N, C-alpha and C. Protein backbone atom coordinates (compact mmCIF):
# COMPACT_ATOMS: atom_id res chain seq x y z
N MET A 1 -15.80 38.51 38.77
CA MET A 1 -16.64 37.34 38.61
C MET A 1 -17.54 37.22 39.83
N ILE A 2 -18.84 37.00 39.58
CA ILE A 2 -19.81 36.90 40.66
C ILE A 2 -20.09 35.43 40.91
N TRP A 3 -20.08 35.04 42.19
CA TRP A 3 -20.33 33.66 42.57
C TRP A 3 -21.42 33.63 43.63
N ILE A 4 -22.26 32.61 43.56
CA ILE A 4 -23.22 32.35 44.61
C ILE A 4 -22.98 30.91 45.06
N ALA A 5 -23.01 30.67 46.36
CA ALA A 5 -22.71 29.33 46.85
C ALA A 5 -23.95 28.67 47.41
N ASP A 6 -24.06 27.36 47.20
CA ASP A 6 -25.01 26.60 47.98
C ASP A 6 -24.22 25.74 48.96
N ARG A 7 -24.89 24.88 49.69
CA ARG A 7 -24.20 24.13 50.74
C ARG A 7 -23.25 23.09 50.16
N LEU A 8 -23.43 22.74 48.91
CA LEU A 8 -22.61 21.69 48.33
C LEU A 8 -21.39 22.23 47.60
N GLY A 9 -21.29 23.51 47.43
CA GLY A 9 -20.16 24.06 46.71
C GLY A 9 -20.51 25.36 46.04
N PHE A 10 -19.71 25.74 45.04
CA PHE A 10 -19.88 27.01 44.36
C PHE A 10 -20.45 26.79 42.96
N MET A 11 -21.18 27.77 42.52
CA MET A 11 -21.79 27.70 41.19
C MET A 11 -21.60 29.05 40.53
N GLU A 12 -20.90 29.06 39.42
CA GLU A 12 -20.68 30.30 38.70
C GLU A 12 -21.84 30.56 37.75
N TYR A 13 -22.45 31.71 37.86
CA TYR A 13 -23.50 32.02 36.89
C TYR A 13 -23.46 33.49 36.48
N ALA A 14 -22.30 34.10 36.56
CA ALA A 14 -22.18 35.48 36.12
C ALA A 14 -22.50 35.61 34.63
N GLU A 15 -22.35 34.51 33.89
CA GLU A 15 -22.65 34.56 32.46
C GLU A 15 -24.06 34.08 32.16
N ASP A 16 -24.82 33.73 33.19
CA ASP A 16 -26.22 33.35 33.01
C ASP A 16 -27.00 34.57 32.51
N PRO A 17 -27.57 34.52 31.30
CA PRO A 17 -28.25 35.70 30.76
C PRO A 17 -29.37 36.20 31.65
N GLU A 18 -30.11 35.29 32.29
CA GLU A 18 -31.23 35.72 33.13
C GLU A 18 -30.73 36.46 34.37
N PHE A 19 -29.65 35.96 34.97
CA PHE A 19 -29.07 36.64 36.12
C PHE A 19 -28.56 38.02 35.73
N CYS A 20 -27.83 38.10 34.63
CA CYS A 20 -27.29 39.39 34.18
C CYS A 20 -28.41 40.38 33.88
N SER A 21 -29.47 39.89 33.23
CA SER A 21 -30.60 40.76 32.92
C SER A 21 -31.27 41.27 34.19
N MET A 22 -31.43 40.39 35.18
CA MET A 22 -32.04 40.79 36.44
C MET A 22 -31.19 41.86 37.13
N ILE A 23 -29.87 41.64 37.19
CA ILE A 23 -29.01 42.59 37.87
C ILE A 23 -29.03 43.95 37.17
N ASP A 24 -29.00 43.96 35.85
CA ASP A 24 -29.06 45.22 35.11
C ASP A 24 -30.37 45.94 35.38
N ARG A 25 -31.47 45.18 35.38
CA ARG A 25 -32.78 45.79 35.63
C ARG A 25 -32.87 46.36 37.03
N LEU A 26 -32.39 45.62 38.02
CA LEU A 26 -32.49 46.09 39.40
C LEU A 26 -31.52 47.24 39.67
N ARG A 27 -30.38 47.25 39.00
CA ARG A 27 -29.46 48.38 39.14
C ARG A 27 -30.14 49.66 38.65
N ASP A 28 -30.87 49.56 37.54
CA ASP A 28 -31.62 50.71 37.05
C ASP A 28 -32.73 51.10 38.02
N GLU A 29 -33.33 50.10 38.66
CA GLU A 29 -34.41 50.38 39.61
C GLU A 29 -33.89 51.16 40.81
N ILE A 30 -32.70 50.82 41.26
CA ILE A 30 -32.09 51.55 42.37
C ILE A 30 -31.71 52.95 41.95
N GLY A 31 -31.31 53.08 40.69
CA GLY A 31 -30.97 54.40 40.16
C GLY A 31 -29.60 54.86 40.59
N ASN A 32 -29.47 56.14 40.85
CA ASN A 32 -28.18 56.74 41.15
C ASN A 32 -27.87 56.79 42.65
N ASP A 33 -28.59 56.01 43.42
CA ASP A 33 -28.35 55.98 44.85
C ASP A 33 -26.92 55.48 45.13
N SER A 34 -26.12 56.30 45.76
CA SER A 34 -24.73 55.94 46.04
C SER A 34 -24.51 55.64 47.52
N GLY A 35 -25.61 55.54 48.26
CA GLY A 35 -25.50 55.32 49.70
C GLY A 35 -25.68 53.88 50.10
N GLU A 36 -26.51 53.64 51.12
CA GLU A 36 -26.66 52.31 51.68
C GLU A 36 -27.25 51.33 50.68
N ALA A 37 -28.20 51.78 49.86
CA ALA A 37 -28.82 50.88 48.90
C ALA A 37 -27.80 50.34 47.91
N ALA A 38 -26.93 51.21 47.41
CA ALA A 38 -25.92 50.78 46.45
C ALA A 38 -24.95 49.80 47.09
N ALA A 39 -24.55 50.06 48.31
CA ALA A 39 -23.62 49.17 49.00
C ALA A 39 -24.27 47.81 49.27
N ALA A 40 -25.53 47.83 49.68
CA ALA A 40 -26.24 46.58 49.94
C ALA A 40 -26.42 45.79 48.65
N PHE A 41 -26.70 46.50 47.57
CA PHE A 41 -26.87 45.85 46.27
C PHE A 41 -25.59 45.13 45.87
N THR A 42 -24.47 45.82 45.98
CA THR A 42 -23.18 45.21 45.60
C THR A 42 -22.88 43.99 46.45
N ARG A 43 -23.09 44.11 47.75
CA ARG A 43 -22.80 42.97 48.63
C ARG A 43 -23.69 41.79 48.29
N LEU A 44 -24.95 42.06 48.01
CA LEU A 44 -25.90 40.98 47.77
C LEU A 44 -25.58 40.23 46.47
N THR A 45 -25.11 40.94 45.48
CA THR A 45 -24.76 40.28 44.22
C THR A 45 -23.45 39.52 44.29
N GLU A 46 -22.67 39.77 45.34
CA GLU A 46 -21.36 39.12 45.45
C GLU A 46 -21.29 38.09 46.57
N THR A 47 -22.29 38.02 47.43
CA THR A 47 -22.19 37.12 48.58
C THR A 47 -22.16 35.66 48.16
N THR A 48 -21.41 34.87 48.90
CA THR A 48 -21.36 33.43 48.68
C THR A 48 -21.97 32.66 49.85
N ASP A 49 -22.72 33.36 50.67
CA ASP A 49 -23.26 32.77 51.90
C ASP A 49 -24.77 32.55 51.76
N PRO A 50 -25.24 31.30 51.65
CA PRO A 50 -26.67 31.08 51.53
C PRO A 50 -27.45 31.52 52.75
N GLU A 51 -26.81 31.52 53.92
CA GLU A 51 -27.52 31.97 55.12
C GLU A 51 -27.77 33.48 55.07
N GLU A 52 -26.82 34.21 54.53
CA GLU A 52 -27.02 35.65 54.37
C GLU A 52 -28.15 35.92 53.39
N LEU A 53 -28.19 35.15 52.31
CA LEU A 53 -29.27 35.31 51.33
C LEU A 53 -30.62 34.97 51.96
N HIS A 54 -30.66 33.91 52.74
CA HIS A 54 -31.91 33.53 53.38
C HIS A 54 -32.36 34.59 54.38
N GLN A 55 -31.43 35.21 55.06
CA GLN A 55 -31.78 36.26 56.01
C GLN A 55 -32.45 37.43 55.31
N VAL A 56 -31.99 37.73 54.10
CA VAL A 56 -32.62 38.81 53.33
C VAL A 56 -34.09 38.48 53.05
N LEU A 57 -34.38 37.20 52.80
CA LEU A 57 -35.76 36.80 52.53
C LEU A 57 -36.65 36.89 53.75
N THR A 58 -36.09 36.71 54.93
CA THR A 58 -36.91 36.62 56.13
C THR A 58 -36.88 37.88 56.99
N ALA A 59 -35.90 38.73 56.80
CA ALA A 59 -35.80 39.94 57.63
C ALA A 59 -36.86 40.96 57.21
N PRO A 60 -37.49 41.61 58.17
CA PRO A 60 -38.50 42.62 57.82
C PRO A 60 -37.86 43.86 57.20
N GLY A 61 -38.63 44.51 56.37
CA GLY A 61 -38.21 45.80 55.82
C GLY A 61 -37.25 45.74 54.65
N GLN A 62 -37.01 44.56 54.11
CA GLN A 62 -36.10 44.46 52.97
C GLN A 62 -36.80 44.94 51.70
N PRO A 63 -36.10 45.69 50.86
CA PRO A 63 -36.73 46.13 49.60
C PRO A 63 -36.96 44.96 48.67
N LEU A 64 -37.89 45.13 47.74
CA LEU A 64 -38.25 44.05 46.84
C LEU A 64 -37.07 43.60 45.99
N TRP A 65 -36.23 44.54 45.55
CA TRP A 65 -35.10 44.16 44.70
C TRP A 65 -34.15 43.23 45.46
N ALA A 66 -33.98 43.46 46.76
CA ALA A 66 -33.09 42.61 47.55
C ALA A 66 -33.68 41.21 47.69
N ARG A 67 -34.96 41.13 47.94
CA ARG A 67 -35.61 39.82 48.05
C ARG A 67 -35.54 39.07 46.73
N GLU A 68 -35.68 39.78 45.64
CA GLU A 68 -35.63 39.12 44.33
C GLU A 68 -34.25 38.52 44.07
N ILE A 69 -33.19 39.28 44.34
CA ILE A 69 -31.84 38.75 44.14
C ILE A 69 -31.61 37.53 45.02
N ALA A 70 -31.99 37.64 46.28
CA ALA A 70 -31.76 36.53 47.21
C ALA A 70 -32.55 35.30 46.80
N ALA A 71 -33.81 35.49 46.41
CA ALA A 71 -34.64 34.36 46.02
C ALA A 71 -34.09 33.69 44.77
N TYR A 72 -33.67 34.49 43.81
CA TYR A 72 -33.11 33.93 42.58
C TYR A 72 -31.83 33.14 42.89
N ALA A 73 -30.94 33.76 43.64
CA ALA A 73 -29.65 33.12 43.94
C ALA A 73 -29.84 31.80 44.68
N LEU A 74 -30.74 31.77 45.65
CA LEU A 74 -31.00 30.53 46.36
C LEU A 74 -31.71 29.52 45.46
N GLY A 75 -32.64 30.01 44.65
CA GLY A 75 -33.42 29.12 43.80
C GLY A 75 -32.58 28.36 42.80
N VAL A 76 -31.69 29.06 42.11
CA VAL A 76 -30.92 28.39 41.06
C VAL A 76 -29.87 27.44 41.63
N THR A 77 -29.57 27.56 42.91
CA THR A 77 -28.65 26.61 43.54
C THR A 77 -29.40 25.50 44.26
N GLY A 78 -30.74 25.44 44.11
CA GLY A 78 -31.51 24.34 44.66
C GLY A 78 -31.88 24.47 46.11
N ASP A 79 -31.79 25.65 46.68
CA ASP A 79 -32.15 25.86 48.09
C ASP A 79 -33.65 26.13 48.17
N ARG A 80 -34.38 25.17 48.71
CA ARG A 80 -35.84 25.25 48.68
C ARG A 80 -36.42 26.28 49.63
N ARG A 81 -35.59 26.92 50.42
CA ARG A 81 -36.08 28.02 51.25
C ARG A 81 -36.50 29.21 50.40
N ALA A 82 -36.13 29.21 49.13
CA ALA A 82 -36.52 30.30 48.23
C ALA A 82 -37.90 30.09 47.63
N PHE A 83 -38.50 28.94 47.85
CA PHE A 83 -39.72 28.58 47.13
C PHE A 83 -40.84 29.61 47.29
N GLU A 84 -41.21 29.95 48.51
CA GLU A 84 -42.34 30.84 48.73
C GLU A 84 -42.12 32.21 48.10
N ALA A 85 -40.91 32.74 48.25
CA ALA A 85 -40.62 34.05 47.67
C ALA A 85 -40.70 34.01 46.16
N LEU A 86 -40.22 32.94 45.56
CA LEU A 86 -40.25 32.84 44.10
C LEU A 86 -41.68 32.70 43.58
N VAL A 87 -42.52 31.98 44.31
CA VAL A 87 -43.92 31.86 43.90
C VAL A 87 -44.62 33.21 43.94
N LEU A 88 -44.34 33.99 44.97
CA LEU A 88 -44.91 35.34 45.03
C LEU A 88 -44.45 36.19 43.85
N LEU A 89 -43.18 36.09 43.51
CA LEU A 89 -42.65 36.85 42.38
C LEU A 89 -43.22 36.36 41.06
N LEU A 90 -43.54 35.08 40.97
CA LEU A 90 -44.11 34.53 39.74
C LEU A 90 -45.45 35.15 39.42
N ASN A 91 -46.15 35.63 40.42
CA ASN A 91 -47.46 36.23 40.24
C ASN A 91 -47.44 37.74 40.40
N HIS A 92 -46.25 38.33 40.23
CA HIS A 92 -46.09 39.78 40.39
C HIS A 92 -46.66 40.51 39.17
N ARG A 93 -47.08 41.74 39.38
CA ARG A 93 -47.63 42.53 38.26
C ARG A 93 -46.56 42.93 37.25
N ASP A 94 -45.30 42.90 37.66
CA ASP A 94 -44.20 43.23 36.76
C ASP A 94 -43.78 41.96 36.02
N PRO A 95 -44.01 41.88 34.70
CA PRO A 95 -43.70 40.63 33.98
C PRO A 95 -42.23 40.25 34.01
N GLU A 96 -41.34 41.23 34.13
CA GLU A 96 -39.92 40.88 34.16
C GLU A 96 -39.57 40.13 35.44
N ARG A 97 -40.20 40.48 36.53
CA ARG A 97 -39.99 39.74 37.78
C ARG A 97 -40.56 38.32 37.65
N CYS A 98 -41.67 38.19 36.95
CA CYS A 98 -42.25 36.87 36.74
C CYS A 98 -41.31 35.99 35.93
N VAL A 99 -40.67 36.55 34.92
CA VAL A 99 -39.73 35.78 34.10
C VAL A 99 -38.57 35.28 34.94
N THR A 100 -38.02 36.16 35.75
CA THR A 100 -36.91 35.78 36.63
C THR A 100 -37.32 34.67 37.59
N ALA A 101 -38.50 34.81 38.18
CA ALA A 101 -38.98 33.81 39.13
C ALA A 101 -39.20 32.47 38.45
N ALA A 102 -39.78 32.48 37.26
CA ALA A 102 -40.04 31.24 36.53
C ALA A 102 -38.74 30.51 36.22
N HIS A 103 -37.73 31.27 35.83
CA HIS A 103 -36.42 30.67 35.53
C HIS A 103 -35.84 30.01 36.78
N ALA A 104 -35.89 30.71 37.90
CA ALA A 104 -35.34 30.16 39.13
C ALA A 104 -36.14 28.96 39.62
N LEU A 105 -37.46 29.01 39.49
CA LEU A 105 -38.29 27.88 39.92
C LEU A 105 -38.02 26.64 39.08
N THR A 106 -37.76 26.83 37.80
CA THR A 106 -37.43 25.69 36.96
C THR A 106 -36.15 25.02 37.43
N ARG A 107 -35.18 25.85 37.81
CA ARG A 107 -33.90 25.32 38.28
C ARG A 107 -34.00 24.76 39.71
N LEU A 108 -34.93 25.27 40.49
CA LEU A 108 -35.04 24.87 41.89
C LEU A 108 -35.38 23.40 42.05
N GLY A 109 -36.30 22.91 41.22
CA GLY A 109 -36.66 21.50 41.30
C GLY A 109 -37.49 21.12 42.50
N ASP A 110 -38.24 22.06 43.05
CA ASP A 110 -39.09 21.76 44.21
C ASP A 110 -40.37 21.08 43.72
N PRO A 111 -40.76 19.95 44.31
CA PRO A 111 -41.96 19.25 43.84
C PRO A 111 -43.24 20.03 44.03
N ARG A 112 -43.21 21.09 44.82
CA ARG A 112 -44.41 21.90 45.02
C ARG A 112 -44.64 22.91 43.90
N THR A 113 -43.66 23.07 43.03
CA THR A 113 -43.71 24.15 42.04
C THR A 113 -44.88 23.99 41.08
N ALA A 114 -45.09 22.81 40.54
CA ALA A 114 -46.16 22.63 39.56
C ALA A 114 -47.53 22.90 40.17
N ARG A 115 -47.74 22.44 41.38
CA ARG A 115 -49.02 22.68 42.05
C ARG A 115 -49.25 24.17 42.26
N ALA A 116 -48.20 24.89 42.66
CA ALA A 116 -48.33 26.33 42.86
C ALA A 116 -48.58 27.04 41.54
N ALA A 117 -47.86 26.65 40.50
CA ALA A 117 -48.04 27.28 39.18
C ALA A 117 -49.45 27.02 38.65
N ALA A 118 -49.96 25.81 38.87
CA ALA A 118 -51.32 25.50 38.42
C ALA A 118 -52.35 26.33 39.17
N ALA A 119 -52.14 26.53 40.47
CA ALA A 119 -53.07 27.35 41.25
C ALA A 119 -53.07 28.80 40.75
N LEU A 120 -51.89 29.33 40.44
CA LEU A 120 -51.81 30.69 39.93
C LEU A 120 -52.42 30.80 38.54
N ALA A 121 -52.13 29.84 37.68
CA ALA A 121 -52.62 29.90 36.30
C ALA A 121 -54.14 29.82 36.23
N THR A 122 -54.74 29.03 37.11
CA THR A 122 -56.19 28.81 37.04
C THR A 122 -56.98 29.77 37.91
N ASN A 123 -56.32 30.68 38.59
CA ASN A 123 -57.01 31.69 39.40
C ASN A 123 -57.52 32.79 38.48
N GLU A 124 -58.80 32.74 38.19
CA GLU A 124 -59.37 33.67 37.21
C GLU A 124 -59.30 35.11 37.67
N LEU A 125 -59.21 35.33 38.97
CA LEU A 125 -59.09 36.69 39.47
C LEU A 125 -57.72 37.29 39.15
N ARG A 126 -56.74 36.42 38.84
CA ARG A 126 -55.38 36.87 38.54
C ARG A 126 -54.96 36.50 37.13
N VAL A 127 -55.95 36.34 36.25
CA VAL A 127 -55.64 35.88 34.90
C VAL A 127 -54.72 36.84 34.15
N ALA A 128 -54.76 38.12 34.49
CA ALA A 128 -53.89 39.08 33.82
C ALA A 128 -52.42 38.79 34.07
N TYR A 129 -52.13 38.02 35.13
CA TYR A 129 -50.74 37.70 35.47
C TYR A 129 -50.44 36.21 35.29
N ALA A 130 -51.24 35.53 34.48
CA ALA A 130 -51.13 34.07 34.37
C ALA A 130 -50.16 33.61 33.29
N LEU A 131 -49.64 34.51 32.47
CA LEU A 131 -48.84 34.10 31.33
C LEU A 131 -47.61 33.29 31.75
N LEU A 132 -46.86 33.78 32.72
CA LEU A 132 -45.65 33.07 33.13
C LEU A 132 -45.95 31.77 33.87
N PRO A 133 -46.96 31.72 34.76
CA PRO A 133 -47.32 30.42 35.32
C PRO A 133 -47.70 29.39 34.27
N VAL A 134 -48.39 29.83 33.22
CA VAL A 134 -48.76 28.91 32.14
C VAL A 134 -47.50 28.39 31.44
N ARG A 135 -46.60 29.27 31.11
CA ARG A 135 -45.37 28.84 30.44
C ARG A 135 -44.52 27.94 31.34
N LEU A 136 -44.53 28.24 32.62
CA LEU A 136 -43.78 27.40 33.56
C LEU A 136 -44.37 25.99 33.61
N LEU A 137 -45.69 25.89 33.61
CA LEU A 137 -46.32 24.57 33.63
C LEU A 137 -45.91 23.75 32.41
N ALA A 138 -45.86 24.38 31.25
CA ALA A 138 -45.44 23.66 30.06
C ALA A 138 -44.00 23.19 30.17
N ALA A 139 -43.15 24.03 30.74
CA ALA A 139 -41.74 23.68 30.87
C ALA A 139 -41.53 22.56 31.88
N LEU A 140 -42.35 22.53 32.93
CA LEU A 140 -42.16 21.53 33.99
C LEU A 140 -42.59 20.13 33.56
N ARG A 141 -43.56 20.03 32.67
CA ARG A 141 -44.07 18.72 32.22
C ARG A 141 -44.49 17.86 33.41
N ALA A 142 -45.17 18.48 34.34
CA ALA A 142 -45.60 17.79 35.56
C ALA A 142 -47.01 17.23 35.38
N PRO A 143 -47.44 16.33 36.26
CA PRO A 143 -48.81 15.80 36.16
C PRO A 143 -49.87 16.89 36.20
N GLU A 144 -49.59 17.99 36.86
CA GLU A 144 -50.57 19.08 36.95
C GLU A 144 -50.65 19.91 35.67
N SER A 145 -49.66 19.78 34.79
CA SER A 145 -49.52 20.72 33.68
C SER A 145 -50.68 20.66 32.70
N VAL A 146 -50.96 19.49 32.14
CA VAL A 146 -51.98 19.39 31.10
C VAL A 146 -53.37 19.75 31.61
N PRO A 147 -53.83 19.20 32.74
CA PRO A 147 -55.17 19.61 33.21
C PRO A 147 -55.30 21.10 33.45
N ALA A 148 -54.28 21.72 34.01
CA ALA A 148 -54.35 23.16 34.28
C ALA A 148 -54.38 23.95 32.97
N LEU A 149 -53.54 23.58 32.01
CA LEU A 149 -53.51 24.31 30.74
C LEU A 149 -54.83 24.15 29.98
N ILE A 150 -55.42 22.98 30.03
CA ILE A 150 -56.73 22.78 29.39
C ILE A 150 -57.78 23.68 30.04
N THR A 151 -57.78 23.72 31.36
CA THR A 151 -58.75 24.56 32.08
C THR A 151 -58.62 26.02 31.69
N VAL A 152 -57.39 26.51 31.67
CA VAL A 152 -57.18 27.92 31.34
C VAL A 152 -57.55 28.19 29.89
N LEU A 153 -57.17 27.30 28.99
CA LEU A 153 -57.49 27.51 27.57
C LEU A 153 -58.99 27.56 27.35
N GLU A 154 -59.73 26.67 27.97
CA GLU A 154 -61.18 26.65 27.77
C GLU A 154 -61.82 27.97 28.20
N ARG A 155 -61.26 28.61 29.19
CA ARG A 155 -61.79 29.90 29.64
C ARG A 155 -61.44 31.04 28.68
N ARG A 156 -60.42 30.85 27.87
CA ARG A 156 -59.94 31.89 26.97
C ARG A 156 -60.54 31.78 25.58
N LEU A 157 -61.47 30.86 25.35
CA LEU A 157 -61.97 30.61 24.00
C LEU A 157 -62.94 31.67 23.46
N PRO A 158 -63.68 32.40 24.29
CA PRO A 158 -64.50 33.46 23.71
C PRO A 158 -63.66 34.44 22.89
N ALA A 159 -64.14 34.78 21.70
CA ALA A 159 -63.34 35.58 20.77
C ALA A 159 -63.00 36.95 21.32
N ASP A 160 -63.84 37.46 22.22
CA ASP A 160 -63.61 38.79 22.77
C ASP A 160 -62.84 38.77 24.09
N ASP A 161 -62.32 37.61 24.47
CA ASP A 161 -61.58 37.53 25.72
C ASP A 161 -60.31 38.38 25.62
N PRO A 162 -60.07 39.29 26.56
CA PRO A 162 -58.91 40.17 26.46
C PRO A 162 -57.58 39.50 26.78
N HIS A 163 -57.62 38.30 27.33
CA HIS A 163 -56.39 37.64 27.76
C HIS A 163 -56.01 36.52 26.78
N TRP A 164 -56.13 36.81 25.50
CA TRP A 164 -55.87 35.80 24.49
C TRP A 164 -54.40 35.35 24.48
N ARG A 165 -53.50 36.22 24.92
CA ARG A 165 -52.08 35.79 24.96
C ARG A 165 -51.88 34.65 25.95
N VAL A 166 -52.64 34.66 27.03
CA VAL A 166 -52.59 33.54 27.97
C VAL A 166 -53.10 32.28 27.28
N GLY A 167 -54.20 32.42 26.53
CA GLY A 167 -54.72 31.29 25.78
C GLY A 167 -53.73 30.77 24.76
N LEU A 168 -53.05 31.68 24.10
CA LEU A 168 -52.05 31.28 23.11
C LEU A 168 -50.92 30.48 23.77
N ALA A 169 -50.49 30.92 24.94
CA ALA A 169 -49.45 30.19 25.67
C ALA A 169 -49.94 28.79 26.04
N CYS A 170 -51.21 28.66 26.38
CA CYS A 170 -51.78 27.35 26.68
C CYS A 170 -51.76 26.45 25.45
N VAL A 171 -52.18 27.01 24.33
CA VAL A 171 -52.20 26.24 23.08
C VAL A 171 -50.80 25.76 22.74
N GLU A 172 -49.84 26.63 22.81
CA GLU A 172 -48.46 26.27 22.48
C GLU A 172 -47.92 25.26 23.48
N GLY A 173 -48.22 25.45 24.76
CA GLY A 173 -47.75 24.53 25.78
C GLY A 173 -48.34 23.14 25.62
N LEU A 174 -49.62 23.07 25.30
CA LEU A 174 -50.26 21.78 25.12
C LEU A 174 -49.69 21.06 23.90
N GLY A 175 -49.37 21.81 22.87
CA GLY A 175 -48.73 21.18 21.71
C GLY A 175 -47.37 20.62 22.06
N ALA A 176 -46.62 21.37 22.85
CA ALA A 176 -45.29 20.90 23.25
C ALA A 176 -45.37 19.68 24.15
N LEU A 177 -46.38 19.62 25.00
CA LEU A 177 -46.52 18.50 25.92
C LEU A 177 -46.99 17.23 25.21
N GLY A 178 -47.74 17.40 24.12
CA GLY A 178 -48.11 16.25 23.30
C GLY A 178 -49.06 15.26 23.94
N ASP A 179 -49.89 15.71 24.86
CA ASP A 179 -50.81 14.82 25.56
C ASP A 179 -52.14 14.78 24.81
N PRO A 180 -52.66 13.59 24.46
CA PRO A 180 -53.91 13.52 23.69
C PRO A 180 -55.12 14.06 24.43
N ARG A 181 -55.04 14.21 25.74
CA ARG A 181 -56.16 14.79 26.48
C ARG A 181 -56.43 16.23 26.05
N ALA A 182 -55.45 16.87 25.43
CA ALA A 182 -55.61 18.26 25.02
C ALA A 182 -56.39 18.41 23.72
N ARG A 183 -56.62 17.31 22.99
CA ARG A 183 -57.23 17.42 21.66
C ARG A 183 -58.56 18.16 21.65
N PRO A 184 -59.52 17.82 22.52
CA PRO A 184 -60.81 18.54 22.46
C PRO A 184 -60.67 20.05 22.67
N ALA A 185 -59.85 20.46 23.60
CA ALA A 185 -59.68 21.90 23.84
C ALA A 185 -58.99 22.57 22.66
N LEU A 186 -58.01 21.89 22.07
CA LEU A 186 -57.32 22.48 20.92
C LEU A 186 -58.26 22.55 19.71
N GLU A 187 -59.08 21.55 19.52
CA GLU A 187 -60.05 21.60 18.42
C GLU A 187 -61.06 22.72 18.64
N ALA A 188 -61.44 22.95 19.88
CA ALA A 188 -62.36 24.05 20.18
C ALA A 188 -61.74 25.39 19.91
N ALA A 189 -60.40 25.47 19.95
CA ALA A 189 -59.70 26.73 19.71
C ALA A 189 -59.50 27.03 18.22
N LEU A 190 -59.77 26.06 17.35
CA LEU A 190 -59.52 26.26 15.92
C LEU A 190 -60.26 27.46 15.32
N PRO A 191 -61.53 27.72 15.68
CA PRO A 191 -62.22 28.87 15.08
C PRO A 191 -61.79 30.23 15.65
N HIS A 192 -61.01 30.22 16.71
CA HIS A 192 -60.65 31.47 17.37
C HIS A 192 -59.73 32.28 16.46
N PRO A 193 -60.04 33.57 16.27
CA PRO A 193 -59.25 34.36 15.31
C PRO A 193 -57.78 34.52 15.68
N ARG A 194 -57.46 34.46 16.96
CA ARG A 194 -56.06 34.63 17.38
C ARG A 194 -55.38 33.31 17.76
N LEU A 195 -56.17 32.31 18.06
CA LEU A 195 -55.61 31.05 18.53
C LEU A 195 -55.63 29.94 17.49
N GLY A 196 -56.40 30.13 16.44
CA GLY A 196 -56.64 29.05 15.49
C GLY A 196 -55.38 28.49 14.85
N ALA A 197 -54.50 29.36 14.36
CA ALA A 197 -53.30 28.89 13.67
C ALA A 197 -52.41 28.08 14.62
N ALA A 198 -52.24 28.58 15.83
CA ALA A 198 -51.42 27.85 16.81
C ALA A 198 -52.09 26.54 17.20
N ALA A 199 -53.43 26.52 17.28
CA ALA A 199 -54.13 25.29 17.62
C ALA A 199 -53.92 24.24 16.54
N ARG A 200 -53.96 24.65 15.26
CA ARG A 200 -53.69 23.69 14.18
C ARG A 200 -52.29 23.11 14.29
N ALA A 201 -51.33 23.98 14.59
CA ALA A 201 -49.95 23.51 14.73
C ALA A 201 -49.82 22.54 15.90
N SER A 202 -50.47 22.84 17.00
CA SER A 202 -50.39 21.96 18.16
C SER A 202 -51.09 20.62 17.91
N LEU A 203 -52.22 20.64 17.19
CA LEU A 203 -52.90 19.41 16.85
C LEU A 203 -52.02 18.54 15.95
N SER A 204 -51.28 19.17 15.06
CA SER A 204 -50.34 18.44 14.20
C SER A 204 -49.26 17.77 15.05
N ARG A 205 -48.81 18.45 16.07
CA ARG A 205 -47.79 17.87 16.96
C ARG A 205 -48.37 16.68 17.72
N LEU A 206 -49.63 16.78 18.12
CA LEU A 206 -50.26 15.65 18.79
C LEU A 206 -50.32 14.44 17.87
N ALA A 207 -50.68 14.67 16.60
CA ALA A 207 -50.78 13.58 15.65
C ALA A 207 -49.41 12.93 15.43
N THR A 208 -48.37 13.73 15.43
CA THR A 208 -47.02 13.20 15.23
C THR A 208 -46.56 12.41 16.44
N ALA A 209 -46.93 12.92 17.63
CA ALA A 209 -46.49 12.27 18.86
C ALA A 209 -47.19 10.94 19.09
N HIS A 210 -48.37 10.76 18.53
CA HIS A 210 -49.12 9.54 18.75
C HIS A 210 -49.53 8.97 17.40
C-alpha cells in the first residue's frame, strides 16, 4: 500500500486511478533502468515525508518524472508549495502530464489556480496546449472561468481553425457552467461544422438553468 502524508495526517490514494495511471506511465518512461533511477522512483512513490517531496521540487537536476510525482503527491494533499510545478505541468506538451496536473490542481484548492488556468487558456501562442486549462476552468467554476472560456471560444469560431477541440471544450464547459453571459458566444458557434451540435446542447442547458 502506497501512502503520501501531509502535515495533518496520512492520505491513502493507492487506489486513486489518476495516481495509478501516472505511476504506470512514469515507470514505462524510466524503462528497464535497474540502477539509481529505479531506486529513486520506488522511494519517491512510497515516501510519507512532504519535506522530502518538496526537496525534489526545488533541488537542481531532478528528472521530470520525479518532479511530477512530487508535485502530484503534494498537490492532492493540499500542500500549496506544489502550485508552481503543477501549473508548469498543466501547460506541458505531453497531454498525459497535463491531465495529471489538472487533477492535482483541482484537489489542491489554491485560489491562484483559476487565474493561472485562465492565463494559459487565453495565451494564443500556446493554444495547442490549452485543452486541459480550459477543462480545468470549467471544473473550478471560478469567477475567471466564464470570461476566459468565452474569449477562447470566440477565437476558435473560424471554420478552418485547427484547434477546434479546444473550442469544443469551451462550448461544453460553458454549458456546464450555465452562465447566461455565454449565450452570444454559443449562438455564434451554432453554424460551426464541428461545434454547432455541442453549442445547441449547451444553449439548451442555459435555458434550463434560467
